């Protein structure tokens, strides 16, 4: 096993909190969304859990994981 593949486990007595991963964002066709840069839009296509095509009215944008700045309404 290489050093980068080592699994780090959290000890219950450790004073440091374990790293918590944020929940994955999931979108479906028809979802209303808001984006920090593009504003309000509607999801018109979903590419698995990797990308979402959003119609923002004046433009369409393909937003990829981790969907930073985009939130479901």
PDB file of N, CA and C in Angstrom:
ATOM      1  N   UNK A   1       0.852  -1.167   0.000  1.00  0.00           N
ATOM      2  CA  UNK A   1       0.000   0.000   0.000  1.00  0.00           C
ATOM      3  C   UNK A   1       0.899   1.232   0.000  1.00  0.00           C
ATOM      4  N   UNK A   2       0.597   2.154  -0.922  1.00  0.00           N
ATOM      5  CA  UNK A   2       1.367   3.394  -0.966  1.00  0.00           C
ATOM      6  C   UNK A   2       0.903   4.322   0.138  1.00  0.00           C
ATOM      7  N   UNK A   3       1.761   5.271   0.463  1.00  0.00           N
ATOM      8  CA  UNK A   3       1.462   6.190   1.552  1.00  0.00           C
ATOM      9  C   UNK A   3       0.175   6.990   1.291  1.00  0.00           C
ATOM     10  N   UNK A   4      -0.060   7.402   0.038  1.00  0.00           N
ATOM     11  CA  UNK A   4      -1.245   8.198  -0.277  1.00  0.00           C
ATOM     12  C   UNK A   4      -2.538   7.390  -0.186  1.00  0.00           C
ATOM     13  N   UNK A   5      -2.439   6.053  -0.201  1.00  0.00           N
ATOM     14  CA  UNK A   5      -3.619   5.213  -0.126  1.00  0.00           C
ATOM     15  C   UNK A   5      -3.966   4.800   1.299  1.00  0.00           C
ATOM     16  N   UNK A   6      -3.189   5.245   2.258  1.00  0.00           N
ATOM     17  CA  UNK A   6      -3.422   4.866   3.643  1.00  0.00           C
ATOM     18  C   UNK A   6      -4.768   5.406   4.117  1.00  0.00           C
ATOM     19  N   UNK A   7      -5.462   4.594   4.878  1.00  0.00           N
ATOM     20  CA  UNK A   7      -6.749   4.990   5.431  1.00  0.00           C
ATOM     21  C   UNK A   7      -6.511   5.550   6.829  1.00  0.00           C
ATOM     22  N   UNK A   8      -6.995   6.762   7.038  1.00  0.00           N
ATOM     23  CA  UNK A   8      -6.855   7.382   8.358  1.00  0.00           C
ATOM     24  C   UNK A   8      -8.161   7.197   9.108  1.00  0.00           C
ATOM     25  N   UNK A   9      -8.047   6.684  10.298  1.00  0.00           N
ATOM     26  CA  UNK A   9      -9.251   6.514  11.092  1.00  0.00           C
ATOM     27  C   UNK A   9      -9.226   7.492  12.253  1.00  0.00           C
ATOM     28  N   UNK A  10     -10.397   7.891  12.674  1.00  0.00           N
ATOM     29  CA  UNK A  10     -10.546   8.839  13.763  1.00  0.00           C
ATOM     30  C   UNK A  10     -10.666   8.077  15.072  1.00  0.00           C
ATOM     31  N   UNK A  11      -9.844   8.439  16.030  1.00  0.00           N
ATOM     32  CA  UNK A  11      -9.911   7.804  17.349  1.00  0.00           C
ATOM     33  C   UNK A  11     -10.944   8.534  18.196  1.00  0.00           C
ATOM     34  N   UNK A  12     -11.805   7.813  18.881  1.00  0.00           N
ATOM     35  CA  UNK A  12     -12.856   8.450  19.680  1.00  0.00           C
ATOM     36  C   UNK A  12     -12.315   9.372  20.773  1.00  0.00           C
ATOM     37  N   UNK A  13     -11.100   9.135  21.237  1.00  0.00           N
ATOM     38  CA  UNK A  13     -10.544   9.968  22.307  1.00  0.00           C
ATOM     39  C   UNK A  13      -9.761  11.162  21.771  1.00  0.00           C
ATOM     40  N   UNK A  14      -9.698  11.320  20.457  1.00  0.00           N
ATOM     41  CA  UNK A  14      -8.941  12.412  19.853  1.00  0.00           C
ATOM     42  C   UNK A  14      -9.624  13.749  20.125  1.00  0.00           C
ATOM     43  N   UNK A  15      -8.845  14.803  20.426  1.00  0.00           N
ATOM     44  CA  UNK A  15      -9.436  16.126  20.644  1.00  0.00           C
ATOM     45  C   UNK A  15      -9.814  16.802  19.329  1.00  0.00           C
ATOM     46  N   UNK A  16      -9.421  16.246  18.200  1.00  0.00           N
ATOM     47  CA  UNK A  16      -9.712  16.831  16.895  1.00  0.00           C
ATOM     48  C   UNK A  16     -10.948  16.184  16.298  1.00  0.00           C
ATOM     49  N   UNK A  17     -11.809  16.998  15.721  1.00  0.00           N
ATOM     50  CA  UNK A  17     -13.037  16.473  15.125  1.00  0.00           C
ATOM     51  C   UNK A  17     -12.727  15.852  13.769  1.00  0.00           C
ATOM     52  N   UNK A  18     -13.419  14.760  13.421  1.00  0.00           N
ATOM     53  CA  UNK A  18     -13.198  14.151  12.110  1.00  0.00           C
ATOM     54  C   UNK A  18     -13.736  15.068  11.006  1.00  0.00           C
ATOM     55  N   UNK A  19     -13.142  14.960   9.812  1.00  0.00           N
ATOM     56  CA  UNK A  19     -13.594  15.761   8.681  1.00  0.00           C
ATOM     57  C   UNK A  19     -14.967  15.269   8.249  1.00  0.00           C
ATOM     58  N   UNK A  20     -15.908  16.190   8.124  1.00  0.00           N
ATOM     59  CA  UNK A  20     -17.267  15.856   7.734  1.00  0.00           C
ATOM     60  C   UNK A  20     -17.466  16.297   6.282  1.00  0.00           C
ATOM     61  N   UNK A  21     -17.869  15.356   5.430  1.00  0.00           N
ATOM     62  CA  UNK A  21     -18.126  15.689   4.040  1.00  0.00           C
ATOM     63  C   UNK A  21     -19.531  16.252   3.912  1.00  0.00           C
ATOM     64  N   UNK A  22     -19.682  17.360   3.153  1.00  0.00           N
ATOM     65  CA  UNK A  22     -21.026  17.914   2.968  1.00  0.00           C
ATOM     66  C   UNK A  22     -21.877  16.955   2.138  1.00  0.00           C
ATOM     67  N   UNK A  23     -23.192  16.981   2.330  1.00  0.00           N
ATOM     68  CA  UNK A  23     -24.045  16.091   1.549  1.00  0.00           C
ATOM     69  C   UNK A  23     -23.964  16.435   0.062  1.00  0.00           C
ATOM     70  N   UNK A  24     -24.084  15.420  -0.796  1.00  0.00           N
ATOM     71  CA  UNK A  24     -24.031  15.644  -2.240  1.00  0.00           C
ATOM     72  C   UNK A  24     -25.311  16.315  -2.697  1.00  0.00           C
ATOM     73  N   UNK A  25     -25.164  17.284  -3.580  1.00  0.00           N
ATOM     74  CA  UNK A  25     -26.335  17.958  -4.135  1.00  0.00           C
ATOM     75  C   UNK A  25     -26.865  17.112  -5.288  1.00  0.00           C
ATOM     76  N   UNK A  26     -28.178  16.928  -5.316  1.00  0.00           N
ATOM     77  CA  UNK A  26     -28.821  16.174  -6.379  1.00  0.00           C
ATOM     78  C   UNK A  26     -29.885  17.037  -7.027  1.00  0.00           C
ATOM     79  N   UNK A  27     -29.914  17.008  -8.359  1.00  0.00           N
ATOM     80  CA  UNK A  27     -30.876  17.810  -9.109  1.00  0.00           C
ATOM     81  C   UNK A  27     -31.625  16.909 -10.081  1.00  0.00           C
ATOM     82  N   UNK A  28     -32.860  17.287 -10.402  1.00  0.00           N
ATOM     83  CA  UNK A  28     -33.684  16.557 -11.360  1.00  0.00           C
ATOM     84  C   UNK A  28     -34.187  17.541 -12.410  1.00  0.00           C
ATOM     85  N   UNK A  29     -34.556  17.006 -13.573  1.00  0.00           N
ATOM     86  CA  UNK A  29     -35.102  17.839 -14.635  1.00  0.00           C
ATOM     87  C   UNK A  29     -36.353  18.544 -14.108  1.00  0.00           C
ATOM     88  N   UNK A  30     -36.431  19.837 -14.326  1.00  0.00           N
ATOM     89  CA  UNK A  30     -37.574  20.629 -13.866  1.00  0.00           C
ATOM     90  C   UNK A  30     -37.336  21.353 -12.550  1.00  0.00           C
ATOM     91  N   UNK A  31     -36.271  21.019 -11.839  1.00  0.00           N
ATOM     92  CA  UNK A  31     -35.983  21.699 -10.566  1.00  0.00           C
ATOM     93  C   UNK A  31     -35.694  23.177 -10.799  1.00  0.00           C
ATOM     94  N   UNK A  32     -36.274  24.024  -9.958  1.00  0.00           N
ATOM     95  CA  UNK A  32     -35.942  25.446  -9.971  1.00  0.00           C
ATOM     96  C   UNK A  32     -34.684  25.603  -9.136  1.00  0.00           C
ATOM     97  N   UNK A  33     -33.722  26.372  -9.657  1.00  0.00           N
ATOM     98  CA  UNK A  33     -32.450  26.556  -8.966  1.00  0.00           C
ATOM     99  C   UNK A  33     -32.061  28.021  -8.974  1.00  0.00           C
ATOM    100  N   UNK A  34     -31.128  28.358  -8.109  1.00  0.00           N
ATOM    101  CA  UNK A  34     -30.516  29.671  -8.123  1.00  0.00           C
ATOM    102  C   UNK A  34     -29.012  29.474  -8.131  1.00  0.00           C
ATOM    103  N   UNK A  35     -28.322  30.343  -8.852  1.00  0.00           N
ATOM    104  CA  UNK A  35     -26.870  30.265  -8.963  1.00  0.00           C
ATOM    105  C   UNK A  35     -26.303  31.632  -8.603  1.00  0.00           C
ATOM    106  N   UNK A  36     -25.200  31.640  -7.870  1.00  0.00           N
ATOM    107  CA  UNK A  36     -24.600  32.895  -7.413  1.00  0.00           C
ATOM    108  C   UNK A  36     -24.211  33.809  -8.567  1.00  0.00           C
ATOM    109  N   UNK A  37     -23.832  33.255  -9.705  1.00  0.00           N
ATOM    110  CA  UNK A  37     -23.395  34.062 -10.846  1.00  0.00           C
ATOM    111  C   UNK A  37     -24.506  34.311 -11.854  1.00  0.00           C
ATOM    112  N   UNK A  38     -25.319  33.271 -12.161  1.00  0.00           N
ATOM    113  CA  UNK A  38     -26.286  33.355 -13.250  1.00  0.00           C
ATOM    114  C   UNK A  38     -27.707  33.697 -12.819  1.00  0.00           C
ATOM    115  N   UNK A  39     -28.041  33.576 -11.549  1.00  0.00           N
ATOM    116  CA  UNK A  39     -29.372  33.912 -11.059  1.00  0.00           C
ATOM    117  C   UNK A  39     -30.313  32.724 -11.048  1.00  0.00           C
ATOM    118  N   UNK A  40     -31.609  33.004 -11.291  1.00  0.00           N
ATOM    119  CA  UNK A  40     -32.646  31.977 -11.242  1.00  0.00           C
ATOM    120  C   UNK A  40     -32.691  31.190 -12.538  1.00  0.00           C
ATOM    121  N   UNK A  41     -32.960  29.882 -12.426  1.00  0.00           N
ATOM    122  CA  UNK A  41     -33.048  29.042 -13.616  1.00  0.00           C
ATOM    123  C   UNK A  41     -33.801  27.771 -13.340  1.00  0.00           C
ATOM    124  N   UNK A  42     -33.893  26.937 -14.394  1.00  0.00           N
ATOM    125  CA  UNK A  42     -34.576  25.647 -14.288  1.00  0.00           C
ATOM    126  C   UNK A  42     -33.697  24.589 -14.929  1.00  0.00           C
ATOM    127  N   UNK A  43     -33.541  23.451 -14.236  1.00  0.00           N
ATOM    128  CA  UNK A  43     -32.742  22.349 -14.768  1.00  0.00           C
ATOM    129  C   UNK A  43     -33.476  21.740 -15.956  1.00  0.00           C
ATOM    130  N   UNK A  44     -32.789  21.656 -17.116  1.00  0.00           N
ATOM    131  CA  UNK A  44     -33.423  21.094 -18.314  1.00  0.00           C
ATOM    132  C   UNK A  44     -32.814  19.753 -18.713  1.00  0.00           C
ATOM    133  N   UNK A  45     -31.657  19.413 -18.132  1.00  0.00           N
ATOM    134  CA  UNK A  45     -31.043  18.108 -18.386  1.00  0.00           C
ATOM    135  C   UNK A  45     -30.106  17.781 -17.236  1.00  0.00           C
ATOM    136  N   UNK A  46     -30.034  16.508 -16.893  1.00  0.00           N
ATOM    137  CA  UNK A  46     -29.156  16.053 -15.817  1.00  0.00           C
ATOM    138  C   UNK A  46     -28.268  14.942 -16.369  1.00  0.00           C
ATOM    139  N   UNK A  47     -26.958  15.082 -16.195  1.00  0.00           N
ATOM    140  CA  UNK A  47     -25.996  14.081 -16.645  1.00  0.00           C
ATOM    141  C   UNK A  47     -25.503  13.291 -15.443  1.00  0.00           C
ATOM    142  N   UNK A  48     -26.327  12.347 -15.007  1.00  0.00           N
ATOM    143  CA  UNK A  48     -25.973  11.539 -13.833  1.00  0.00           C
ATOM    144  C   UNK A  48     -25.757  12.431 -12.620  1.00  0.00           C
ATOM    145  N   UNK A  49     -24.641  12.212 -11.920  1.00  0.00           N
ATOM    146  CA  UNK A  49     -24.324  13.086 -10.784  1.00  0.00           C
ATOM    147  C   UNK A  49     -23.116  13.963 -11.102  1.00  0.00           C
ATOM    148  N   UNK A  50     -22.824  14.153 -12.412  1.00  0.00           N
ATOM    149  CA  UNK A  50     -21.637  14.927 -12.791  1.00  0.00           C
ATOM    150  C   UNK A  50     -21.943  16.325 -13.279  1.00  0.00           C
ATOM    151  N   UNK A  51     -23.097  16.552 -13.922  1.00  0.00           N
ATOM    152  CA  UNK A  51     -23.395  17.880 -14.459  1.00  0.00           C
ATOM    153  C   UNK A  51     -24.895  18.085 -14.610  1.00  0.00           C
ATOM    154  N   UNK A  52     -25.280  19.365 -14.640  1.00  0.00           N
ATOM    155  CA  UNK A  52     -26.674  19.749 -14.845  1.00  0.00           C
ATOM    156  C   UNK A  52     -26.689  20.877 -15.872  1.00  0.00           C
ATOM    157  N   UNK A  53     -27.560  20.773 -16.877  1.00  0.00           N
ATOM    158  CA  UNK A  53     -27.750  21.838 -17.847  1.00  0.00           C
ATOM    159  C   UNK A  53     -28.917  22.681 -17.350  1.00  0.00           C
ATOM    160  N   UNK A  54     -28.660  23.979 -17.174  1.00  0.00           N
ATOM    161  CA  UNK A  54     -29.651  24.873 -16.585  1.00  0.00           C
ATOM    162  C   UNK A  54     -29.986  25.986 -17.563  1.00  0.00           C
ATOM    163  N   UNK A  55     -31.286  26.247 -17.731  1.00  0.00           N
ATOM    164  CA  UNK A  55     -31.765  27.360 -18.552  1.00  0.00           C
ATOM    165  C   UNK A  55     -32.000  28.543 -17.622  1.00  0.00           C
ATOM    166  N   UNK A  56     -31.201  29.604 -17.818  1.00  0.00           N
ATOM    167  CA  UNK A  56     -31.332  30.798 -16.990  1.00  0.00           C
ATOM    168  C   UNK A  56     -32.121  31.902 -17.699  1.00  0.00           C
ATOM    169  N   UNK A  57     -32.865  31.538 -18.750  1.00  0.00           N
ATOM    170  CA  UNK A  57     -33.671  32.512 -19.479  1.00  0.00           C
ATOM    171  C   UNK A  57     -32.909  33.097 -20.655  1.00  0.00           C
ATOM    172  N   UNK A  58     -31.853  33.839 -20.391  1.00  0.00           N
ATOM    173  CA  UNK A  58     -31.074  34.457 -21.458  1.00  0.00           C
ATOM    174  C   UNK A  58     -29.940  33.574 -21.936  1.00  0.00           C
ATOM    175  N   UNK A  59     -29.632  32.541 -21.201  1.00  0.00           N
ATOM    176  CA  UNK A  59     -28.531  31.637 -21.562  1.00  0.00           C
ATOM    177  C   UNK A  59     -28.715  30.288 -20.904  1.00  0.00           C
ATOM    178  N   UNK A  60     -28.048  29.279 -21.457  1.00  0.00           N
ATOM    179  CA  UNK A  60     -28.020  27.951 -20.861  1.00  0.00           C
ATOM    180  C   UNK A  60     -26.584  27.673 -20.435  1.00  0.00           C
ATOM    181  N   UNK A  61     -26.425  27.125 -19.250  1.00  0.00           N
ATOM    182  CA  UNK A  61     -25.100  26.820 -18.720  1.00  0.00           C
ATOM    183  C   UNK A  61     -25.063  25.384 -18.221  1.00  0.00           C
ATOM    184  N   UNK A  62     -23.932  24.728 -18.476  1.00  0.00           N
ATOM    185  CA  UNK A  62     -23.685  23.376 -17.948  1.00  0.00           C
ATOM    186  C   UNK A  62     -22.880  23.548 -16.667  1.00  0.00           C
ATOM    187  N   UNK A  63     -23.479  23.212 -15.551  1.00  0.00           N
ATOM    188  CA  UNK A  63     -22.849  23.346 -14.237  1.00  0.00           C
ATOM    189  C   UNK A  63     -22.383  21.954 -13.814  1.00  0.00           C
ATOM    190  N   UNK A  64     -21.101  21.834 -13.450  1.00  0.00           N
ATOM    191  CA  UNK A  64     -20.542  20.536 -13.077  1.00  0.00           C
ATOM    192  C   UNK A  64     -20.374  20.404 -11.571  1.00  0.00           C
ATOM    193  N   UNK A  65     -20.150  19.145 -11.140  1.00  0.00           N
ATOM    194  CA  UNK A  65     -19.885  18.857  -9.724  1.00  0.00           C
ATOM    195  C   UNK A  65     -18.726  19.710  -9.267  1.00  0.00           C
ATOM    196  N   UNK A  66     -18.669  20.238  -8.109  1.00  0.00           N
ATOM    197  CA  UNK A  66     -19.541  20.023  -6.950  1.00  0.00           C
ATOM    198  C   UNK A  66     -20.709  21.007  -6.870  1.00  0.00           C
ATOM    199  N   UNK A  67     -21.102  21.598  -7.999  1.00  0.00           N
ATOM    200  CA  UNK A  67     -22.225  22.521  -8.074  1.00  0.00           C
ATOM    201  C   UNK A  67     -22.067  23.702  -7.121  1.00  0.00           C
ATOM    202  N   UNK A  68     -20.840  24.207  -7.052  1.00  0.00           N
ATOM    203  CA  UNK A  68     -20.550  25.342  -6.178  1.00  0.00           C
ATOM    204  C   UNK A  68     -21.383  26.549  -6.597  1.00  0.00           C
ATOM    205  N   UNK A  69     -22.066  27.142  -5.660  1.00  0.00           N
ATOM    206  CA  UNK A  69     -22.860  28.342  -5.921  1.00  0.00           C
ATOM    207  C   UNK A  69     -24.247  28.069  -6.442  1.00  0.00           C
ATOM    208  N   UNK A  70     -24.637  26.809  -6.642  1.00  0.00           N
ATOM    209  CA  UNK A  70     -25.967  26.493  -7.137  1.00  0.00           C
ATOM    210  C   UNK A  70     -26.780  25.770  -6.066  1.00  0.00           C
ATOM    211  N   UNK A  71     -28.014  26.225  -5.896  1.00  0.00           N
ATOM    212  CA  UNK A  71     -28.861  25.670  -4.851  1.00  0.00           C
ATOM    213  C   UNK A  71     -30.260  25.424  -5.394  1.00  0.00           C
ATOM    214  N   UNK A  72     -30.889  24.339  -4.942  1.00  0.00           N
ATOM    215  CA  UNK A  72     -32.252  24.016  -5.323  1.00  0.00           C
ATOM    216  C   UNK A  72     -33.212  24.877  -4.530  1.00  0.00           C
ATOM    217  N   UNK A  73     -34.245  25.373  -5.199  1.00  0.00           N
ATOM    218  CA  UNK A  73     -35.262  26.187  -4.509  1.00  0.00           C
ATOM    219  C   UNK A  73     -36.444  25.336  -4.092  1.00  0.00           C
TER     220      UNK A  73
END
